[in-house]
C-alpha atoms as a PDB file:
ATOM      1  CA  MET A   1      62.113-168.858  51.322  1.00  0.00           C
ATOM      2  CA  ALA A   2      64.604-166.191  50.352  1.00  0.00           C
ATOM      3  CA  ILE A   3      66.062-163.681  52.776  1.00  0.00           C
ATOM      4  CA  VAL A   4      67.483-160.379  51.633  1.00  0.00           C
ATOM      5  CA  ILE A   5      70.333-158.973  53.708  1.00  0.00           C
ATOM      6  CA  CYS A   6      70.766-155.217  53.612  1.00  0.00           C
ATOM      7  CA  ASP A   7      73.757-153.386  55.009  1.00  0.00           C
ATOM      8  CA  MET A   8      72.273-150.259  56.580  1.00  0.00           C
ATOM      9  CA  TRP A   9      73.780-147.212  58.214  1.00  0.00           C
ATOM     10  CA  ASP A  10      72.407-144.040  59.702  1.00  0.00           C
ATOM     11  CA  LYS A  11      74.865-141.614  58.057  1.00  0.00           C
ATOM     12  CA  HIS A  12      76.494-141.766  54.659  1.00  0.00           C
ATOM     13  CA  HIS A  13      78.464-139.398  52.435  1.00  0.00           C
ATOM     14  CA  CYS A  14      75.640-139.485  49.859  1.00  0.00           C
ATOM     15  CA  PRO A  15      72.446-137.771  51.124  1.00  0.00           C
ATOM     16  CA  ASP A  16      70.235-139.843  48.809  1.00  0.00           C
ATOM     17  CA  ALA A  17      71.667-143.061  50.244  1.00  0.00           C
ATOM     18  CA  THR A  18      70.887-141.893  53.778  1.00  0.00           C
ATOM     19  CA  GLU A  19      67.258-141.226  52.801  1.00  0.00           C
ATOM     20  CA  ARG A  20      66.913-144.700  51.281  1.00  0.00           C
ATOM     21  CA  VAL A  21      67.912-146.322  54.591  1.00  0.00           C
ATOM     22  CA  GLY A  22      64.525-145.381  56.042  1.00  0.00           C
ATOM     23  CA  GLU A  23      62.756-146.904  53.060  1.00  0.00           C
ATOM     24  CA  MET A  24      64.786-150.119  53.322  1.00  0.00           C
ATOM     25  CA  ALA A  25      64.153-150.512  57.047  1.00  0.00           C
ATOM     26  CA  GLY A  26      60.596-151.523  56.228  1.00  0.00           C
ATOM     27  CA  VAL A  27      61.988-154.632  54.542  1.00  0.00           C
ATOM     28  CA  SER A  28      63.028-155.952  57.971  1.00  0.00           C
ATOM     29  CA  TYR A  29      59.446-155.626  59.178  1.00  0.00           C
ATOM     30  CA  LEU A  30      58.046-157.441  56.137  1.00  0.00           C
ATOM     31  CA  LEU A  31      60.593-160.263  56.370  1.00  0.00           C
ATOM     32  CA  ALA A  32      59.803-160.691  60.071  1.00  0.00           C
ATOM     33  CA  GLU A  33      56.085-160.860  59.236  1.00  0.00           C
ATOM     34  CA  CYS A  34      56.793-163.655  56.744  1.00  0.00           C
ATOM     35  CA  LEU A  35      58.726-165.603  59.367  1.00  0.00           C
ATOM     36  CA  ILE A  36      55.983-165.100  61.952  1.00  0.00           C
ATOM     37  CA  LYS A  37      53.243-166.252  59.586  1.00  0.00           C
ATOM     38  CA  THR A  38      55.162-169.403  58.665  1.00  0.00           C
ATOM     39  CA  MET A  39      55.982-170.457  62.230  1.00  0.00           C
ATOM     40  CA  PRO A  40      54.615-173.853  63.190  1.00  0.00           C
ATOM     41  CA  ALA A  41      51.629-173.889  65.541  1.00  0.00           C
ATOM     42  CA  ASP A  42      53.436-176.148  67.991  1.00  0.00           C
ATOM     43  CA  ALA A  43      56.792-177.793  68.504  1.00  0.00           C
ATOM     44  CA  GLU A  44      56.213-181.524  68.794  1.00  0.00           C
ATOM     45  CA  ASP A  45      59.821-182.659  69.165  1.00  0.00           C
ATOM     46  CA  ALA A  46      63.327-181.319  69.717  1.00  0.00           C
ATOM     47  CA  LEU A  47      63.938-180.656  66.019  1.00  0.00           C
ATOM     48  CA  ALA A  48      60.664-178.749  65.606  1.00  0.00           C
ATOM     49  CA  THR A  49      61.447-176.782  68.782  1.00  0.00           C
ATOM     50  CA  ALA A  50      64.894-175.860  67.468  1.00  0.00           C
ATOM     51  CA  ARG A  51      63.388-174.675  64.166  1.00  0.00           C
ATOM     52  CA  LEU A  52      60.722-172.650  65.966  1.00  0.00           C
ATOM     53  CA  VAL A  53      63.258-170.992  68.267  1.00  0.00           C
ATOM     54  CA  ASP A  54      65.511-170.245  65.282  1.00  0.00           C
ATOM     55  CA  GLN A  55      62.621-168.577  63.439  1.00  0.00           C
ATOM     56  CA  ILE A  56      61.785-166.590  66.560  1.00  0.00           C
ATOM     57  CA  GLU A  57      65.423-165.441  66.814  1.00  0.00           C
ATOM     58  CA  GLN A  58      65.466-164.362  63.171  1.00  0.00           C
ATOM     59  CA  ALA A  59      62.121-162.565  63.321  1.00  0.00           C
ATOM     60  CA  SER A  60      63.048-160.830  66.591  1.00  0.00           C
ATOM     61  CA  SER A  61      66.324-159.602  65.127  1.00  0.00           C
ATOM     62  CA  LEU A  62      64.547-158.242  62.060  1.00  0.00           C
ATOM     63  CA  LEU A  63      61.893-156.480  64.148  1.00  0.00           C
ATOM     64  CA  ASN A  64      64.526-155.017  66.476  1.00  0.00           C
ATOM     65  CA  ALA A  65      66.407-153.699  63.418  1.00  0.00           C
ATOM     66  CA  PHE A  66      63.173-152.115  62.182  1.00  0.00           C
ATOM     67  CA  VAL A  67      62.544-150.488  65.574  1.00  0.00           C
ATOM     68  CA  ALA A  68      66.126-149.187  65.768  1.00  0.00           C
ATOM     69  CA  ALA A  69      66.012-147.712  62.257  1.00  0.00           C
ATOM     70  CA  LEU A  70      62.520-146.184  62.423  1.00  0.00           C
ATOM     71  CA  GLU A  71      61.871-145.542  66.106  1.00  0.00           C
ATOM     72  CA  ASN A  72      58.948-143.180  65.424  1.00  0.00           C
ATOM     73  CA  HIS A  73      57.208-145.305  62.779  1.00  0.00           C
ATOM     74  CA  PRO A  74      53.538-146.076  63.587  1.00  0.00           C
ATOM     75  CA  GLU A  75      54.270-149.840  63.435  1.00  0.00           C
ATOM     76  CA  VAL A  76      56.941-149.709  66.178  1.00  0.00           C
ATOM     77  CA  PRO A  77      54.588-150.485  69.107  1.00  0.00           C
ATOM     78  CA  GLY A  78      53.157-153.457  67.209  1.00  0.00           C
ATOM     79  CA  ALA A  79      56.644-154.651  66.293  1.00  0.00           C
ATOM     80  CA  LEU A  80      57.710-154.511  69.941  1.00  0.00           C
ATOM     81  CA  LEU A  81      54.595-156.408  71.010  1.00  0.00           C
ATOM     82  CA  LYS A  82      55.407-159.082  68.424  1.00  0.00           C
ATOM     83  CA  VAL A  83      58.942-159.370  69.792  1.00  0.00           C
ATOM     84  CA  GLY A  84      57.543-159.774  73.290  1.00  0.00           C
ATOM     85  CA  ALA A  85      54.997-162.396  72.240  1.00  0.00           C
ATOM     86  CA  MET A  86      57.573-164.387  70.286  1.00  0.00           C
ATOM     87  CA  ARG A  87      60.029-164.323  73.179  1.00  0.00           C
ATOM     88  CA  GLN A  88      57.293-165.554  75.519  1.00  0.00           C
ATOM     89  CA  ARG A  89      56.546-168.336  73.059  1.00  0.00           C
ATOM     90  CA  ALA A  90      60.211-169.309  72.895  1.00  0.00           C
ATOM     91  CA  ALA A  91      60.367-169.392  76.689  1.00  0.00           C
ATOM     92  CA  SER A  92      57.324-171.672  76.763  1.00  0.00           C
ATOM     93  CA  VAL A  93      58.980-174.343  74.591  1.00  0.00           C
ATOM     94  CA  LEU A  94      62.547-174.171  75.885  1.00  0.00           C
ATOM     95  CA  VAL A  95      63.756-176.561  78.569  1.00  0.00           C
ATOM     96  CA  ASP A  96      66.960-174.806  79.667  1.00  0.00           C
ATOM     97  CA  PRO A  97      66.069-172.464  82.583  1.00  0.00           C
ATOM     98  CA  ASP A  98      68.732-169.925  81.569  1.00  0.00           C
ATOM     99  CA  GLU A  99      67.389-169.758  78.013  1.00  0.00           C
ATOM    100  CA  LYS A 100      63.823-169.427  79.337  1.00  0.00           C
ATOM    101  CA  LYS A 101      64.912-166.577  81.593  1.00  0.00           C
ATOM    102  CA  LYS A 102      66.809-164.838  78.774  1.00  0.00           C
ATOM    103  CA  ASN A 103      63.733-164.941  76.519  1.00  0.00           C
ATOM    104  CA  LEU A 104      61.428-163.713  79.270  1.00  0.00           C
ATOM    105  CA  ILE A 105      63.770-160.805  79.982  1.00  0.00           C
ATOM    106  CA  GLU A 106      63.792-159.908  76.278  1.00  0.00           C
ATOM    107  CA  ALA A 107      59.981-160.122  76.213  1.00  0.00           C
ATOM    108  CA  ARG A 108      59.744-157.859  79.210  1.00  0.00           C
ATOM    109  CA  ASP A 109      62.182-155.359  77.690  1.00  0.00           C
ATOM    110  CA  ALA A 110      60.000-155.144  74.574  1.00  0.00           C
ATOM    111  CA  TYR A 111      56.812-154.590  76.610  1.00  0.00           C
ATOM    112  CA  VAL A 112      58.486-151.980  78.817  1.00  0.00           C
ATOM    113  CA  LYS A 113      59.547-150.038  75.721  1.00  0.00           C
ATOM    114  CA  VAL A 114      55.932-149.876  74.577  1.00  0.00           C
ATOM    115  CA  VAL A 115      54.742-148.803  78.042  1.00  0.00           C
ATOM    116  CA  GLN A 116      57.421-146.129  78.404  1.00  0.00           C
ATOM    117  CA  ARG A 117      57.461-144.729  74.872  1.00  0.00           C
ATOM    118  CA  PHE A 118      53.856-145.095  73.743  1.00  0.00           C
ATOM    119  CA  PRO A 119      51.509-144.395  76.694  1.00  0.00           C
ATOM    120  CA  ASN A 120      48.749-143.129  74.376  1.00  0.00           C
ATOM    121  CA  HIS A 121      48.910-146.004  71.904  1.00  0.00           C
ATOM    122  CA  PRO A 122      45.817-148.247  71.575  1.00  0.00           C
ATOM    123  CA  GLN A 123      47.947-151.303  72.445  1.00  0.00           C
ATOM    124  CA  PHE A 124      49.316-149.748  75.638  1.00  0.00           C
ATOM    125  CA  ALA A 125      47.003-151.875  77.836  1.00  0.00           C
ATOM    126  CA  THR A 126      48.124-155.036  76.056  1.00  0.00           C
ATOM    127  CA  ALA A 127      51.753-154.160  76.742  1.00  0.00           C
ATOM    128  CA  VAL A 128      50.983-153.538  80.437  1.00  0.00           C
ATOM    129  CA  MET A 129      49.123-156.851  80.758  1.00  0.00           C
ATOM    130  CA  GLU A 130      51.773-158.898  78.940  1.00  0.00           C
ATOM    131  CA  ASN A 131      54.516-157.207  80.948  1.00  0.00           C
ATOM    132  CA  ALA A 132      52.743-158.240  84.146  1.00  0.00           C
ATOM    133  CA  LYS A 133      52.560-161.851  82.916  1.00  0.00           C
ATOM    134  CA  VAL A 134      56.277-161.881  82.188  1.00  0.00           C
ATOM    135  CA  ALA A 135      57.167-160.164  85.468  1.00  0.00           C
ATOM    136  CA  VAL A 136      55.967-163.116  87.537  1.00  0.00           C
ATOM    137  CA  PRO A 137      56.749-166.205  85.438  1.00  0.00           C
ATOM    138  CA  HIS A 138      57.755-168.383  88.366  1.00  0.00           C
ATOM    139  CA  VAL A 139      54.581-167.956  90.382  1.00  0.00           C
ATOM    140  CA  HIS A 140      52.460-171.096  90.579  1.00  0.00           C
ATOM    141  CA  ARG A 141      49.473-172.257  92.567  1.00  0.00           C
ATOM    142  CA  VAL A 142      49.637-174.987  95.181  1.00  0.00           C
ATOM    143  CA  SER A 143      46.408-175.803  97.008  1.00  0.00           C
ATOM    144  CA  GLY A 144      44.855-172.502  95.971  1.00  0.00           C
ATOM    145  CA  HIS A 145      47.724-170.397  97.321  1.00  0.00           C
ATOM    146  CA  ILE A 146      50.274-168.556  95.247  1.00  0.00           C
ATOM    147  CA  HIS A 147      53.874-169.620  95.848  1.00  0.00           C
ATOM    148  CA  PRO A 148      57.002-168.171  94.223  1.00  0.00           C
END
């Protein structure tokens, strides 16, 4: 796998260069998609977990760069939902409670952005539902009752 690193800025002394930034931002989305599609189905041991979490970190960073560069692009809600889902997945395989919490907070932040910025988007309901799941991660059932 090859990864292309692009130095991007929002303003530049050359107007043509500034216009190309928008075109290049799509590369982040495509690279993130490649990482997502090549993620292992499950993490069977500590090494596989570390690789999975590393891929999630890379893909999340790329998607967040895409969202920051092209905040009104039609793929932004989907990109944010992918960030949320990946962060939930990372939280599900991590053992460290602080790392779990950090990933769940990042997942929730992504879902909240979709809910706040895209209320008419077809995936709005998905963002609301996933946000609700992340909002109460420590709730569990004991004898049929919910306990925090």
